[in-house]
């Protein structure tokens, strides 16, 4: 019986997710991430694929946005001051 050769090429795994933590100081926000609603609270914590994102914090008084870059295995932080 002849067996097929076994591949010894390394298996490519997708990069591990990173984490976004966004905090609103002074008032809760309605949060969006790249335009998608993520809820209303004083903070959010989301596991994400590595990439660039825009996180937006909207209160009755103002709307603020920040660009964040999520890296594999790391936590990115975005802070929004409401006062």
Foldseek 3Di string as FASTA:
>chain_A
DDDDDDDPDDDDDAFAWFKEKEAEPPAWFQKDKQRHTDGIDRMDMDTDGFDKIKMWGDDPVDIDIDIDTIDGPYYTYHYHYDD
